[in-house]
Structure formats: structure tokens, C-alpha cells
């Protein structure tokens, strides 16, 4: 995932402790914009030492991580999100149809039904 990318939340199950320290949490099925990607810890509450990819989201702002020496904002594991599938452009659809993709015709070496 990269800064500016649209993602959709796939997991909004949080413990009571997380709900208490965060001001804003993502909701399953909602779309968000990646504000920043960072290397984070697996478990904020216990100050774990294994790394994970963390995200800050443009639509949600939270307080500083109480266990981070630099007071970095509390973020979310990237595993809670999936990249949003962008709809293909009209040109891309026309190109695919020209070779028979998605039309039920065998053409262009693709078969998508």
C-alpha cells in the first residue's frame, strides 16, 4: 500500500483496550485514503517487538501512541485493509471487448466468464 491509495476496511473488530485509547476507528466496508505508511509494532498495548506495516488514514486522526518514544500517531495494521479495486477506464473496457475478454467469446487468449 502506498500514500494516496484508496483502501477498504475488511476487519473492524477491536479489543476494548484499543477502543479506549483510539479516538477514531475504521468501519468494515468503508473506504479510506492512505495518509502515511510506516513500520510499526504488532501489539501496541504490550509494546511488542515484531514489526508490521502500519497505516495512517486521511479520514481518521488519533492521539499519539503512548508506547512510541517519538509520539507517533496511533495507526492501523495494513492487514485490516484491502486495496480498493478501481473501475476500469472506458478505454480499457473497449480494448478488452475488442479481444473478446468478458464477452463469452474465446479471443485474445483470455477467458473470463
PDB file of N, CA and C in Angstrom:
ATOM      1  N   UNK A   1       0.843  -1.169   0.000  1.00  0.00           N
ATOM      2  CA  UNK A   1       0.000   0.000   0.000  1.00  0.00           C
ATOM      3  C   UNK A   1       0.894   1.240   0.000  1.00  0.00           C
ATOM      4  N   UNK A   2       0.397   2.273  -0.656  1.00  0.00           N
ATOM      5  CA  UNK A   2       1.184   3.493  -0.800  1.00  0.00           C
ATOM      6  C   UNK A   2       0.356   4.723  -0.438  1.00  0.00           C
ATOM      7  N   UNK A   3       1.060   5.789  -0.106  1.00  0.00           N
ATOM      8  CA  UNK A   3       0.415   7.050   0.232  1.00  0.00           C
ATOM      9  C   UNK A   3      -0.509   7.485  -0.904  1.00  0.00           C
ATOM     10  N   UNK A   4      -1.733   7.885  -0.556  1.00  0.00           N
ATOM     11  CA  UNK A   4      -2.702   8.335  -1.549  1.00  0.00           C
ATOM     12  C   UNK A   4      -3.602   7.238  -2.078  1.00  0.00           C
ATOM     13  N   UNK A   5      -3.267   5.978  -1.813  1.00  0.00           N
ATOM     14  CA  UNK A   5      -4.047   4.842  -2.301  1.00  0.00           C
ATOM     15  C   UNK A   5      -5.367   4.732  -1.534  1.00  0.00           C
ATOM     16  N   UNK A   6      -6.418   4.337  -2.232  1.00  0.00           N
ATOM     17  CA  UNK A   6      -7.714   4.081  -1.612  1.00  0.00           C
ATOM     18  C   UNK A   6      -7.742   2.626  -1.144  1.00  0.00           C
ATOM     19  N   UNK A   7      -8.226   2.424   0.085  1.00  0.00           N
ATOM     20  CA  UNK A   7      -8.329   1.086   0.653  1.00  0.00           C
ATOM     21  C   UNK A   7      -9.708   0.927   1.277  1.00  0.00           C
ATOM     22  N   UNK A   8     -10.127  -0.326   1.426  1.00  0.00           N
ATOM     23  CA  UNK A   8     -11.397  -0.614   2.080  1.00  0.00           C
ATOM     24  C   UNK A   8     -11.106  -1.443   3.329  1.00  0.00           C
ATOM     25  N   UNK A   9     -11.770  -1.122   4.414  1.00  0.00           N
ATOM     26  CA  UNK A   9     -11.579  -1.841   5.674  1.00  0.00           C
ATOM     27  C   UNK A   9     -12.247  -3.215   5.577  1.00  0.00           C
ATOM     28  N   UNK A  10     -11.492  -4.258   5.946  1.00  0.00           N
ATOM     29  CA  UNK A  10     -12.011  -5.627   5.905  1.00  0.00           C
ATOM     30  C   UNK A  10     -12.159  -6.230   7.298  1.00  0.00           C
ATOM     31  N   UNK A  11     -11.631  -5.537   8.320  1.00  0.00           N
ATOM     32  CA  UNK A  11     -11.679  -6.056   9.685  1.00  0.00           C
ATOM     33  C   UNK A  11     -11.808  -4.890  10.649  1.00  0.00           C
ATOM     34  N   UNK A  12     -12.966  -4.768  11.286  1.00  0.00           N
ATOM     35  CA  UNK A  12     -13.161  -3.688  12.265  1.00  0.00           C
ATOM     36  C   UNK A  12     -13.436  -4.241  13.662  1.00  0.00           C
ATOM     37  N   UNK A  13     -12.870  -5.399  13.952  1.00  0.00           N
ATOM     38  CA  UNK A  13     -13.002  -5.992  15.278  1.00  0.00           C
ATOM     39  C   UNK A  13     -11.823  -5.537  16.134  1.00  0.00           C
ATOM     40  N   UNK A  14     -12.104  -4.769  17.185  1.00  0.00           N
ATOM     41  CA  UNK A  14     -11.074  -4.227  18.059  1.00  0.00           C
ATOM     42  C   UNK A  14     -11.374  -4.588  19.505  1.00  0.00           C
ATOM     43  N   UNK A  15     -10.328  -4.778  20.289  1.00  0.00           N
ATOM     44  CA  UNK A  15     -10.490  -5.078  21.716  1.00  0.00           C
ATOM     45  C   UNK A  15     -10.986  -3.828  22.451  1.00  0.00           C
ATOM     46  N   UNK A  16     -11.460  -4.020  23.658  1.00  0.00           N
ATOM     47  CA  UNK A  16     -11.937  -2.910  24.484  1.00  0.00           C
ATOM     48  C   UNK A  16     -10.808  -1.929  24.776  1.00  0.00           C
ATOM     49  N   UNK A  17      -9.582  -2.440  24.959  1.00  0.00           N
ATOM     50  CA  UNK A  17      -8.439  -1.565  25.240  1.00  0.00           C
ATOM     51  C   UNK A  17      -8.166  -0.650  24.048  1.00  0.00           C
ATOM     52  N   UNK A  18      -8.184  -1.210  22.855  1.00  0.00           N
ATOM     53  CA  UNK A  18      -7.948  -0.401  21.645  1.00  0.00           C
ATOM     54  C   UNK A  18      -9.055   0.630  21.497  1.00  0.00           C
ATOM     55  N   UNK A  19     -10.286   0.231  21.723  1.00  0.00           N
ATOM     56  CA  UNK A  19     -11.408   1.175  21.624  1.00  0.00           C
ATOM     57  C   UNK A  19     -11.255   2.323  22.621  1.00  0.00           C
ATOM     58  N   UNK A  20     -10.605   2.057  23.754  1.00  0.00           N
ATOM     59  CA  UNK A  20     -10.432   3.080  24.787  1.00  0.00           C
ATOM     60  C   UNK A  20      -9.331   4.083  24.444  1.00  0.00           C
ATOM     61  N   UNK A  21      -8.263   3.636  23.761  1.00  0.00           N
ATOM     62  CA  UNK A  21      -7.144   4.561  23.503  1.00  0.00           C
ATOM     63  C   UNK A  21      -7.222   5.271  22.154  1.00  0.00           C
ATOM     64  N   UNK A  22      -7.999   4.756  21.213  1.00  0.00           N
ATOM     65  CA  UNK A  22      -8.170   5.405  19.908  1.00  0.00           C
ATOM     66  C   UNK A  22      -9.386   6.337  19.967  1.00  0.00           C
ATOM     67  N   UNK A  23      -9.298   7.452  19.256  1.00  0.00           N
ATOM     68  CA  UNK A  23     -10.451   8.345  19.135  1.00  0.00           C
ATOM     69  C   UNK A  23     -11.341   7.929  17.969  1.00  0.00           C
ATOM     70  N   UNK A  24     -10.717   7.458  16.866  1.00  0.00           N
ATOM     71  CA  UNK A  24     -11.463   7.104  15.658  1.00  0.00           C
ATOM     72  C   UNK A  24     -10.973   5.759  15.138  1.00  0.00           C
ATOM     73  N   UNK A  25     -11.907   4.884  14.795  1.00  0.00           N
ATOM     74  CA  UNK A  25     -11.572   3.563  14.270  1.00  0.00           C
ATOM     75  C   UNK A  25     -12.243   3.357  12.916  1.00  0.00           C
ATOM     76  N   UNK A  26     -11.603   2.588  12.044  1.00  0.00           N
ATOM     77  CA  UNK A  26     -12.219   2.318  10.736  1.00  0.00           C
ATOM     78  C   UNK A  26     -13.417   1.379  10.881  1.00  0.00           C
ATOM     79  N   UNK A  27     -14.301   1.441   9.903  1.00  0.00           N
ATOM     80  CA  UNK A  27     -15.502   0.616   9.886  1.00  0.00           C
ATOM     81  C   UNK A  27     -15.437  -0.302   8.667  1.00  0.00           C
ATOM     82  N   UNK A  28     -15.725  -1.577   8.900  1.00  0.00           N
ATOM     83  CA  UNK A  28     -15.688  -2.570   7.823  1.00  0.00           C
ATOM     84  C   UNK A  28     -16.579  -2.128   6.667  1.00  0.00           C
ATOM     85  N   UNK A  29     -16.012  -2.203   5.450  1.00  0.00           N
ATOM     86  CA  UNK A  29     -16.751  -1.833   4.245  1.00  0.00           C
ATOM     87  C   UNK A  29     -16.562  -0.382   3.833  1.00  0.00           C
ATOM     88  N   UNK A  30     -16.057   0.460   4.738  1.00  0.00           N
ATOM     89  CA  UNK A  30     -15.830   1.868   4.394  1.00  0.00           C
ATOM     90  C   UNK A  30     -14.500   2.037   3.669  1.00  0.00           C
ATOM     91  N   UNK A  31     -14.453   3.050   2.809  1.00  0.00           N
ATOM     92  CA  UNK A  31     -13.263   3.346   2.021  1.00  0.00           C
ATOM     93  C   UNK A  31     -12.483   4.474   2.674  1.00  0.00           C
ATOM     94  N   UNK A  32     -11.155   4.335   2.669  1.00  0.00           N
ATOM     95  CA  UNK A  32     -10.263   5.321   3.276  1.00  0.00           C
ATOM     96  C   UNK A  32      -9.101   5.613   2.332  1.00  0.00           C
ATOM     97  N   UNK A  33      -8.394   6.722   2.590  1.00  0.00           N
ATOM     98  CA  UNK A  33      -7.227   7.118   1.809  1.00  0.00           C
ATOM     99  C   UNK A  33      -5.993   6.987   2.698  1.00  0.00           C
ATOM    100  N   UNK A  34      -4.965   6.289   2.199  1.00  0.00           N
ATOM    101  CA  UNK A  34      -3.732   6.121   2.963  1.00  0.00           C
ATOM    102  C   UNK A  34      -3.022   7.471   3.050  1.00  0.00           C
ATOM    103  N   UNK A  35      -2.818   7.945   4.274  1.00  0.00           N
ATOM    104  CA  UNK A  35      -2.125   9.210   4.522  1.00  0.00           C
ATOM    105  C   UNK A  35      -0.635   8.976   4.682  1.00  0.00           C
ATOM    106  N   UNK A  36      -0.281   7.849   5.315  1.00  0.00           N
ATOM    107  CA  UNK A  36       1.123   7.520   5.533  1.00  0.00           C
ATOM    108  C   UNK A  36       1.258   6.027   5.764  1.00  0.00           C
ATOM    109  N   UNK A  37       2.392   5.468   5.314  1.00  0.00           N
ATOM    110  CA  UNK A  37       2.730   4.062   5.535  1.00  0.00           C
ATOM    111  C   UNK A  37       3.969   4.048   6.418  1.00  0.00           C
ATOM    112  N   UNK A  38       3.968   3.209   7.471  1.00  0.00           N
ATOM    113  CA  UNK A  38       5.106   3.188   8.384  1.00  0.00           C
ATOM    114  C   UNK A  38       5.344   1.780   8.905  1.00  0.00           C
ATOM    115  N   UNK A  39       6.532   1.577   9.458  1.00  0.00           N
ATOM    116  CA  UNK A  39       6.868   0.321  10.091  1.00  0.00           C
ATOM    117  C   UNK A  39       6.420   0.424  11.535  1.00  0.00           C
ATOM    118  N   UNK A  40       5.546  -0.489  11.950  1.00  0.00           N
ATOM    119  CA  UNK A  40       5.002  -0.420  13.298  1.00  0.00           C
ATOM    120  C   UNK A  40       5.237  -1.708  14.067  1.00  0.00           C
ATOM    121  N   UNK A  41       4.689  -1.750  15.270  1.00  0.00           N
ATOM    122  CA  UNK A  41       4.785  -2.941  16.114  1.00  0.00           C
ATOM    123  C   UNK A  41       3.521  -3.762  15.977  1.00  0.00           C
ATOM    124  N   UNK A  42       3.633  -5.065  16.239  1.00  0.00           N
ATOM    125  CA  UNK A  42       2.469  -5.948  16.178  1.00  0.00           C
ATOM    126  C   UNK A  42       1.425  -5.550  17.217  1.00  0.00           C
ATOM    127  N   UNK A  43       1.859  -5.340  18.446  1.00  0.00           N
ATOM    128  CA  UNK A  43       0.910  -5.100  19.515  1.00  0.00           C
ATOM    129  C   UNK A  43       1.247  -3.793  20.223  1.00  0.00           C
ATOM    130  N   UNK A  44       0.400  -2.808  20.061  1.00  0.00           N
ATOM    131  CA  UNK A  44       0.622  -1.503  20.671  1.00  0.00           C
ATOM    132  C   UNK A  44       0.574  -1.617  22.193  1.00  0.00           C
ATOM    133  N   UNK A  45      -0.415  -2.298  22.715  1.00  0.00           N
ATOM    134  CA  UNK A  45      -0.651  -2.326  24.150  1.00  0.00           C
ATOM    135  C   UNK A  45       0.509  -2.953  24.917  1.00  0.00           C
ATOM    136  N   UNK A  46       1.089  -4.023  24.406  1.00  0.00           N
ATOM    137  CA  UNK A  46       2.179  -4.689  25.107  1.00  0.00           C
ATOM    138  C   UNK A  46       3.550  -4.248  24.613  1.00  0.00           C
ATOM    139  N   UNK A  47       3.599  -3.302  23.693  1.00  0.00           N
ATOM    140  CA  UNK A  47       4.890  -2.815  23.196  1.00  0.00           C
ATOM    141  C   UNK A  47       5.687  -3.904  22.516  1.00  0.00           C
ATOM    142  N   UNK A  48       5.026  -4.705  21.689  1.00  0.00           N
ATOM    143  CA  UNK A  48       5.674  -5.820  21.013  1.00  0.00           C
ATOM    144  C   UNK A  48       6.873  -5.399  20.188  1.00  0.00           C
ATOM    145  N   UNK A  49       7.746  -6.367  19.921  1.00  0.00           N
ATOM    146  CA  UNK A  49       8.957  -6.039  19.180  1.00  0.00           C
ATOM    147  C   UNK A  49       8.948  -6.558  17.752  1.00  0.00           C
ATOM    148  N   UNK A  50       7.912  -7.262  17.310  1.00  0.00           N
ATOM    149  CA  UNK A  50       7.859  -7.707  15.923  1.00  0.00           C
ATOM    150  C   UNK A  50       7.218  -6.601  15.080  1.00  0.00           C
ATOM    151  N   UNK A  51       7.717  -6.449  13.869  1.00  0.00           N
ATOM    152  CA  UNK A  51       7.283  -5.339  13.015  1.00  0.00           C
ATOM    153  C   UNK A  51       6.108  -5.732  12.131  1.00  0.00           C
ATOM    154  N   UNK A  52       5.346  -4.746  11.748  1.00  0.00           N
ATOM    155  CA  UNK A  52       4.243  -4.889  10.824  1.00  0.00           C
ATOM    156  C   UNK A  52       4.144  -3.585  10.029  1.00  0.00           C
ATOM    157  N   UNK A  53       3.416  -3.598   8.940  1.00  0.00           N
ATOM    158  CA  UNK A  53       3.201  -2.374   8.161  1.00  0.00           C
ATOM    159  C   UNK A  53       1.967  -1.680   8.721  1.00  0.00           C
ATOM    160  N   UNK A  54       2.170  -0.425   9.112  1.00  0.00           N
ATOM    161  CA  UNK A  54       1.075   0.354   9.665  1.00  0.00           C
ATOM    162  C   UNK A  54       0.618   1.424   8.699  1.00  0.00           C
ATOM    163  N   UNK A  55      -0.615   1.857   8.896  1.00  0.00           N
ATOM    164  CA  UNK A  55      -1.191   2.898   8.049  1.00  0.00           C
ATOM    165  C   UNK A  55      -1.786   4.008   8.892  1.00  0.00           C
ATOM    166  N   UNK A  56      -1.637   5.231   8.422  1.00  0.00           N
ATOM    167  CA  UNK A  56      -2.415   6.353   8.918  1.00  0.00           C
ATOM    168  C   UNK A  56      -3.386   6.678   7.792  1.00  0.00           C
ATOM    169  N   UNK A  57      -4.611   7.017   8.146  1.00  0.00           N
ATOM    170  CA  UNK A  57      -5.647   7.256   7.152  1.00  0.00           C
ATOM    171  C   UNK A  57      -6.062   8.728   7.164  1.00  0.00           C
ATOM    172  N   UNK A  58      -6.266   9.288   5.992  1.00  0.00           N
ATOM    173  CA  UNK A  58      -6.614  10.702   5.869  1.00  0.00           C
ATOM    174  C   UNK A  58      -7.921  11.026   6.595  1.00  0.00           C
ATOM    175  N   UNK A  59      -8.837  10.100   6.607  1.00  0.00           N
ATOM    176  CA  UNK A  59     -10.163  10.355   7.168  1.00  0.00           C
ATOM    177  C   UNK A  59     -10.232  10.179   8.685  1.00  0.00           C
ATOM    178  N   UNK A  60      -9.194   9.579   9.283  1.00  0.00           N
ATOM    179  CA  UNK A  60      -9.199   9.312  10.723  1.00  0.00           C
ATOM    180  C   UNK A  60      -7.940   9.891  11.364  1.00  0.00           C
ATOM    181  N   UNK A  61      -8.095  10.574  12.491  1.00  0.00           N
ATOM    182  CA  UNK A  61      -6.963  11.135  13.227  1.00  0.00           C
ATOM    183  C   UNK A  61      -7.053  10.642  14.665  1.00  0.00           C
ATOM    184  N   UNK A  62      -5.917  10.152  15.182  1.00  0.00           N
ATOM    185  CA  UNK A  62      -5.887   9.587  16.522  1.00  0.00           C
ATOM    186  C   UNK A  62      -4.780  10.212  17.354  1.00  0.00           C
ATOM    187  N   UNK A  63      -4.818   9.989  18.671  1.00  0.00           N
ATOM    188  CA  UNK A  63      -3.782  10.544  19.549  1.00  0.00           C
ATOM    189  C   UNK A  63      -2.448   9.837  19.357  1.00  0.00           C
ATOM    190  N   UNK A  64      -1.378  10.378  19.955  1.00  0.00           N
ATOM    191  CA  UNK A  64      -0.066   9.735  19.859  1.00  0.00           C
ATOM    192  C   UNK A  64      -0.057   8.360  20.522  1.00  0.00           C
ATOM    193  N   UNK A  65       0.765   7.471  20.004  1.00  0.00           N
ATOM    194  CA  UNK A  65       0.957   6.138  20.557  1.00  0.00           C
ATOM    195  C   UNK A  65       1.666   6.291  21.909  1.00  0.00           C
ATOM    196  N   UNK A  66       1.046   5.859  23.003  1.00  0.00           N
ATOM    197  CA  UNK A  66       1.655   6.045  24.324  1.00  0.00           C
ATOM    198  C   UNK A  66       2.941   5.244  24.522  1.00  0.00           C
ATOM    199  N   UNK A  67       3.202   4.253  23.652  1.00  0.00           N
ATOM    200  CA  UNK A  67       4.385   3.415  23.786  1.00  0.00           C
ATOM    201  C   UNK A  67       5.485   3.774  22.779  1.00  0.00           C
ATOM    202  N   UNK A  68       5.285   4.820  21.982  1.00  0.00           N
ATOM    203  CA  UNK A  68       6.259   5.220  20.961  1.00  0.00           C
ATOM    204  C   UNK A  68       7.033   6.428  21.457  1.00  0.00           C
ATOM    205  N   UNK A  69       8.359   6.309  21.514  1.00  0.00           N
ATOM    206  CA  UNK A  69       9.206   7.383  22.035  1.00  0.00           C
ATOM    207  C   UNK A  69       9.028   8.689  21.259  1.00  0.00           C
ATOM    208  N   UNK A  70       8.759   8.582  19.952  1.00  0.00           N
ATOM    209  CA  UNK A  70       8.589   9.770  19.124  1.00  0.00           C
ATOM    210  C   UNK A  70       7.176  10.302  19.094  1.00  0.00           C
ATOM    211  N   UNK A  71       6.305   9.704  19.898  1.00  0.00           N
ATOM    212  CA  UNK A  71       4.901  10.125  19.970  1.00  0.00           C
ATOM    213  C   UNK A  71       4.196  10.068  18.614  1.00  0.00           C
ATOM    214  N   UNK A  72       4.521   9.052  17.812  1.00  0.00           N
ATOM    215  CA  UNK A  72       3.858   8.867  16.521  1.00  0.00           C
ATOM    216  C   UNK A  72       2.375   8.592  16.745  1.00  0.00           C
ATOM    217  N   UNK A  73       1.552   9.090  15.846  1.00  0.00           N
ATOM    218  CA  UNK A  73       0.108   8.871  15.933  1.00  0.00           C
ATOM    219  C   UNK A  73      -0.217   7.389  15.889  1.00  0.00           C
ATOM    220  N   UNK A  74      -1.229   6.990  16.650  1.00  0.00           N
ATOM    221  CA  UNK A  74      -1.700   5.609  16.613  1.00  0.00           C
ATOM    222  C   UNK A  74      -2.228   5.301  15.216  1.00  0.00           C
ATOM    223  N   UNK A  75      -1.761   4.220  14.624  1.00  0.00           N
ATOM    224  CA  UNK A  75      -2.184   3.831  13.287  1.00  0.00           C
ATOM    225  C   UNK A  75      -2.849   2.475  13.302  1.00  0.00           C
ATOM    226  N   UNK A  76      -2.991   1.887  12.120  1.00  0.00           N
ATOM    227  CA  UNK A  76      -3.689   0.615  11.955  1.00  0.00           C
ATOM    228  C   UNK A  76      -2.841  -0.348  11.149  1.00  0.00           C
ATOM    229  N   UNK A  77      -2.966  -1.625  11.448  1.00  0.00           N
ATOM    230  CA  UNK A  77      -2.269  -2.648  10.681  1.00  0.00           C
ATOM    231  C   UNK A  77      -2.813  -2.663   9.260  1.00  0.00           C
ATOM    232  N   UNK A  78      -1.901  -2.748   8.302  1.00  0.00           N
ATOM    233  CA  UNK A  78      -2.322  -2.795   6.893  1.00  0.00           C
ATOM    234  C   UNK A  78      -3.146  -4.046   6.600  1.00  0.00           C
ATOM    235  N   UNK A  79      -3.030  -5.057   7.465  1.00  0.00           N
ATOM    236  CA  UNK A  79      -3.775  -6.299   7.252  1.00  0.00           C
ATOM    237  C   UNK A  79      -5.277  -6.120   7.460  1.00  0.00           C
ATOM    238  N   UNK A  80      -5.692  -5.005   8.015  1.00  0.00           N
ATOM    239  CA  UNK A  80      -7.116  -4.720   8.204  1.00  0.00           C
ATOM    240  C   UNK A  80      -7.762  -4.133   6.945  1.00  0.00           C
ATOM    241  N   UNK A  81      -6.955  -3.924   5.887  1.00  0.00           N
ATOM    242  CA  UNK A  81      -7.438  -3.231   4.696  1.00  0.00           C
ATOM    243  C   UNK A  81      -7.075  -3.976   3.422  1.00  0.00           C
ATOM    244  N   UNK A  82      -7.875  -3.762   2.399  1.00  0.00           N
ATOM    245  CA  UNK A  82      -7.598  -4.305   1.062  1.00  0.00           C
ATOM    246  C   UNK A  82      -7.583  -3.128   0.094  1.00  0.00           C
ATOM    247  N   UNK A  83      -6.705  -3.188  -0.902  1.00  0.00           N
ATOM    248  CA  UNK A  83      -6.712  -2.122  -1.914  1.00  0.00           C
ATOM    249  C   UNK A  83      -8.073  -2.049  -2.580  1.00  0.00           C
ATOM    250  N   UNK A  84      -8.557  -0.854  -2.795  1.00  0.00           N
ATOM    251  CA  UNK A  84      -9.841  -0.669  -3.460  1.00  0.00           C
ATOM    252  C   UNK A  84      -9.658  -0.957  -4.933  1.00  0.00           C
ATOM    253  N   UNK A  85     -10.490  -1.796  -5.470  1.00  0.00           N
ATOM    254  CA  UNK A  85     -10.434  -2.105  -6.895  1.00  0.00           C
ATOM    255  C   UNK A  85     -11.023  -0.937  -7.662  1.00  0.00           C
ATOM    256  N   UNK A  86     -10.194  -0.298  -8.420  1.00  0.00           N
ATOM    257  CA  UNK A  86     -10.649   0.828  -9.240  1.00  0.00           C
ATOM    258  C   UNK A  86     -11.395   0.292 -10.460  1.00  0.00           C
ATOM    259  N   UNK A  87     -12.466   0.942 -10.822  1.00  0.00           N
ATOM    260  CA  UNK A  87     -13.204   0.559 -12.018  1.00  0.00           C
ATOM    261  C   UNK A  87     -12.335   0.829 -13.238  1.00  0.00           C
ATOM    262  N   UNK A  88     -12.323  -0.082 -14.206  1.00  0.00           N
ATOM    263  CA  UNK A  88     -11.504   0.148 -15.392  1.00  0.00           C
ATOM    264  C   UNK A  88     -12.014   1.351 -16.181  1.00  0.00           C
ATOM    265  N   UNK A  89     -11.101   2.035 -16.844  1.00  0.00           N
ATOM    266  CA  UNK A  89     -11.485   3.179 -17.667  1.00  0.00           C
ATOM    267  C   UNK A  89     -12.287   2.682 -18.869  1.00  0.00           C
ATOM    268  N   UNK A  90     -12.998   3.582 -19.499  1.00  0.00           N
ATOM    269  CA  UNK A  90     -13.793   3.225 -20.678  1.00  0.00           C
ATOM    270  C   UNK A  90     -12.897   2.680 -21.790  1.00  0.00           C
ATOM    271  N   UNK A  91     -11.701   3.274 -21.936  1.00  0.00           N
ATOM    272  CA  UNK A  91     -10.757   2.806 -22.957  1.00  0.00           C
ATOM    273  C   UNK A  91     -10.329   1.367 -22.688  1.00  0.00           C
ATOM    274  N   UNK A  92     -10.053   1.045 -21.426  1.00  0.00           N
ATOM    275  CA  UNK A  92      -9.621  -0.309 -21.076  1.00  0.00           C
ATOM    276  C   UNK A  92     -10.724  -1.312 -21.358  1.00  0.00           C
ATOM    277  N   UNK A  93     -11.956  -0.952 -21.059  1.00  0.00           N
ATOM    278  CA  UNK A  93     -13.083  -1.847 -21.319  1.00  0.00           C
ATOM    279  C   UNK A  93     -13.227  -2.084 -22.818  1.00  0.00           C
ATOM    280  N   UNK A  94     -13.106  -1.030 -23.617  1.00  0.00           N
ATOM    281  CA  UNK A  94     -13.209  -1.168 -25.072  1.00  0.00           C
ATOM    282  C   UNK A  94     -12.106  -2.068 -25.615  1.00  0.00           C
ATOM    283  N   UNK A  95     -10.878  -1.932 -25.067  1.00  0.00           N
ATOM    284  CA  UNK A  95      -9.773  -2.790 -25.501  1.00  0.00           C
ATOM    285  C   UNK A  95     -10.053  -4.250 -25.175  1.00  0.00           C
ATOM    286  N   UNK A  96     -10.546  -4.507 -23.971  1.00  0.00           N
ATOM    287  CA  UNK A  96     -10.842  -5.883 -23.573  1.00  0.00           C
ATOM    288  C   UNK A  96     -11.948  -6.480 -24.444  1.00  0.00           C
ATOM    289  N   UNK A  97     -12.978  -5.693 -24.716  1.00  0.00           N
ATOM    290  CA  UNK A  97     -14.073  -6.180 -25.548  1.00  0.00           C
ATOM    291  C   UNK A  97     -13.585  -6.469 -26.963  1.00  0.00           C
ATOM    292  N   UNK A  98     -12.624  -5.691 -27.450  1.00  0.00           N
ATOM    293  CA  UNK A  98     -12.106  -5.881 -28.803  1.00  0.00           C
ATOM    294  C   UNK A  98     -11.429  -7.241 -28.963  1.00  0.00           C
ATOM    295  N   UNK A  99     -10.849  -7.773 -27.879  1.00  0.00           N
ATOM    296  CA  UNK A  99     -10.200  -9.085 -27.971  1.00  0.00           C
ATOM    297  C   UNK A  99     -11.078 -10.192 -27.412  1.00  0.00           C
ATOM    298  N   UNK A 100     -12.311  -9.850 -27.009  1.00  0.00           N
ATOM    299  CA  UNK A 100     -13.255 -10.871 -26.575  1.00  0.00           C
ATOM    300  C   UNK A 100     -13.246 -11.173 -25.089  1.00  0.00           C
ATOM    301  N   UNK A 101     -12.535 -10.400 -24.283  1.00  0.00           N
ATOM    302  CA  UNK A 101     -12.495 -10.657 -22.844  1.00  0.00           C
ATOM    303  C   UNK A 101     -13.809 -10.247 -22.202  1.00  0.00           C
ATOM    304  N   UNK A 102     -14.376 -11.152 -21.423  1.00  0.00           N
ATOM    305  CA  UNK A 102     -15.601 -10.865 -20.707  1.00  0.00           C
ATOM    306  C   UNK A 102     -16.846 -10.904 -21.558  1.00  0.00           C
ATOM    307  N   UNK A 103     -16.720 -11.312 -22.808  1.00  0.00           N
ATOM    308  CA  UNK A 103     -17.881 -11.334 -23.695  1.00  0.00           C
ATOM    309  C   UNK A 103     -18.393 -12.740 -23.944  1.00  0.00           C
ATOM    310  N   UNK A 104     -17.693 -13.718 -23.366  1.00  0.00           N
ATOM    311  CA  UNK A 104     -18.087 -15.098 -23.613  1.00  0.00           C
ATOM    312  C   UNK A 104     -17.478 -15.652 -24.887  1.00  0.00           C
ATOM    313  N   UNK A 105     -16.691 -14.837 -25.584  1.00  0.00           N
ATOM    314  CA  UNK A 105     -16.020 -15.276 -26.806  1.00  0.00           C
ATOM    315  C   UNK A 105     -14.597 -15.653 -26.470  1.00  0.00           C
ATOM    316  N   UNK A 106     -14.100 -16.680 -27.117  1.00  0.00           N
ATOM    317  CA  UNK A 106     -12.696 -17.035 -26.936  1.00  0.00           C
ATOM    318  C   UNK A 106     -11.895 -16.209 -27.929  1.00  0.00           C
ATOM    319  N   UNK A 107     -11.110 -15.302 -27.399  1.00  0.00           N
ATOM    320  CA  UNK A 107     -10.303 -14.468 -28.279  1.00  0.00           C
ATOM    321  C   UNK A 107      -9.215 -13.778 -27.473  1.00  0.00           C
ATOM    322  N   UNK A 108      -8.095 -13.553 -28.047  1.00  0.00           N
ATOM    323  CA  UNK A 108      -7.019 -12.858 -27.369  1.00  0.00           C
ATOM    324  C   UNK A 108      -6.354 -13.681 -26.283  1.00  0.00           C
ATOM    325  N   UNK A 109      -6.658 -14.967 -26.168  1.00  0.00           N
ATOM    326  CA  UNK A 109      -6.035 -15.813 -25.188  1.00  0.00           C
ATOM    327  C   UNK A 109      -6.632 -15.685 -23.782  1.00  0.00           C
ATOM    328  N   UNK A 110      -7.721 -14.977 -23.624  1.00  0.00           N
ATOM    329  CA  UNK A 110      -8.334 -14.804 -22.317  1.00  0.00           C
ATOM    330  C   UNK A 110      -9.721 -15.434 -22.318  1.00  0.00           C
ATOM    331  N   UNK A 111     -10.126 -15.874 -21.131  1.00  0.00           N
ATOM    332  CA  UNK A 111     -11.483 -16.412 -20.995  1.00  0.00           C
ATOM    333  C   UNK A 111     -11.981 -15.997 -19.638  1.00  0.00           C
ATOM    334  N   UNK A 112     -12.917 -15.065 -19.586  1.00  0.00           N
ATOM    335  CA  UNK A 112     -13.391 -14.537 -18.301  1.00  0.00           C
ATOM    336  C   UNK A 112     -14.904 -14.627 -18.217  1.00  0.00           C
ATOM    337  N   UNK A 113     -15.414 -15.723 -17.744  1.00  0.00           N
ATOM    338  CA  UNK A 113     -16.867 -15.866 -17.506  1.00  0.00           C
ATOM    339  C   UNK A 113     -17.110 -16.464 -16.163  1.00  0.00           C
TER     340      UNK A 113
END
